[in-house]
Amino acid sequence: MDHSASAGTARSLPIDLDSADLVLVGPHLATDLDRIRDDAARRGVVVVLLPDDIFADVTGARTLALVEEALRVREPADTM
């Protein structure tokens, strides 16, 4: 698999988007989703809102499936 990941913050997002293909938004940031989608859309970046129970995904398999699906669909700033 040819992907890399890095953690960011709401504050670093405008800079992080310049080198991102995809942004995973934690459920705790759902109230910021519209702003994140707007920023991402200007750069052609896909946004995925993670489900509320994502932190129970201890193996990362569910998260990886969400990433793979989002990159397959590849509609900029489209929230899954």
Protein backbone atom coordinates (compact mmCIF):
# COMPACT_ATOMS: atom_id res chain seq x y z
CA MET A 1 0.00 0.00 0.00
CA ASP A 2 1.35 3.38 -0.97
CA HIS A 3 -0.16 5.69 1.64
CA SER A 4 1.16 7.65 4.56
CA ALA A 5 -0.64 9.26 7.46
CA SER A 6 0.01 12.04 9.89
CA ALA A 7 -1.94 13.53 12.74
CA GLY A 8 -2.96 17.14 12.63
CA THR A 9 -5.02 19.62 14.55
CA ALA A 10 -7.83 21.96 13.62
CA ARG A 11 -5.30 24.77 13.79
CA SER A 12 -2.80 23.07 11.44
CA LEU A 13 -5.45 21.93 8.95
CA PRO A 14 -5.03 24.77 6.41
CA ILE A 15 -1.34 23.90 6.08
CA ASP A 16 -1.86 20.13 6.27
CA LEU A 17 -4.39 20.21 3.42
CA ASP A 18 -1.69 21.33 0.98
CA SER A 19 -0.10 17.87 1.14
CA ALA A 20 -3.17 15.71 1.85
CA ASP A 21 -5.31 13.53 -0.35
CA LEU A 22 -7.68 12.64 2.46
CA VAL A 23 -8.67 14.02 5.86
CA LEU A 24 -10.09 11.75 8.53
CA VAL A 25 -12.23 13.80 10.91
CA GLY A 26 -12.74 12.37 14.37
CA PRO A 27 -16.30 12.28 15.66
CA HIS A 28 -15.38 14.83 18.34
CA LEU A 29 -14.85 17.36 15.53
CA ALA A 30 -18.21 16.79 13.82
CA THR A 31 -19.31 20.33 14.67
CA ASP A 32 -16.38 21.64 12.59
CA LEU A 33 -17.17 19.42 9.61
CA ASP A 34 -18.67 22.13 7.36
CA ARG A 35 -15.61 24.34 7.77
CA ILE A 36 -13.27 21.41 7.20
CA ARG A 37 -15.19 20.38 4.07
CA ASP A 38 -15.06 23.93 2.71
CA ASP A 39 -11.30 24.17 3.26
CA ALA A 40 -10.75 20.72 1.77
CA ALA A 41 -12.94 21.36 -1.28
CA ARG A 42 -10.75 24.29 -2.32
CA ARG A 43 -7.80 21.90 -2.52
CA GLY A 44 -9.57 18.83 -3.92
CA VAL A 45 -9.13 16.85 -0.71
CA VAL A 46 -11.53 14.09 0.34
CA VAL A 47 -13.06 14.32 3.83
CA VAL A 48 -14.28 11.33 5.84
CA LEU A 49 -16.17 11.79 9.09
CA LEU A 50 -15.26 8.83 11.26
CA PRO A 51 -18.10 7.06 13.09
CA ASP A 52 -18.67 7.64 16.79
CA ASP A 53 -17.34 4.22 17.74
CA ILE A 54 -14.18 4.37 15.61
CA PHE A 55 -11.88 4.38 18.62
CA ALA A 56 -12.97 0.80 19.31
CA ASP A 57 -11.27 -0.18 16.03
CA VAL A 58 -8.17 -1.45 17.80
CA THR A 59 -6.76 -3.22 14.72
CA GLY A 60 -7.42 -0.29 12.39
CA ALA A 61 -9.15 -2.55 9.86
CA ARG A 62 -12.38 -0.54 9.83
CA THR A 63 -10.53 2.73 9.51
CA LEU A 64 -8.40 1.36 6.69
CA ALA A 65 -11.55 0.18 4.88
CA LEU A 66 -13.00 3.71 5.14
CA VAL A 67 -9.78 5.17 3.75
CA GLU A 68 -9.62 2.71 0.88
CA GLU A 69 -13.26 3.33 -0.04
CA ALA A 70 -12.85 7.10 0.10
CA LEU A 71 -9.78 7.00 -2.13
CA ARG A 72 -11.56 4.67 -4.54
CA VAL A 73 -14.54 7.01 -4.81
CA ARG A 74 -12.30 10.10 -4.76
CA GLU A 75 -14.95 12.80 -4.81
CA PRO A 76 -13.31 15.92 -3.35
CA ALA A 77 -14.70 17.12 -0.04
CA ASP A 78 -17.43 14.49 -0.15
CA THR A 79 -18.18 13.29 3.34
CA MET A 80 -18.77 9.62 3.85
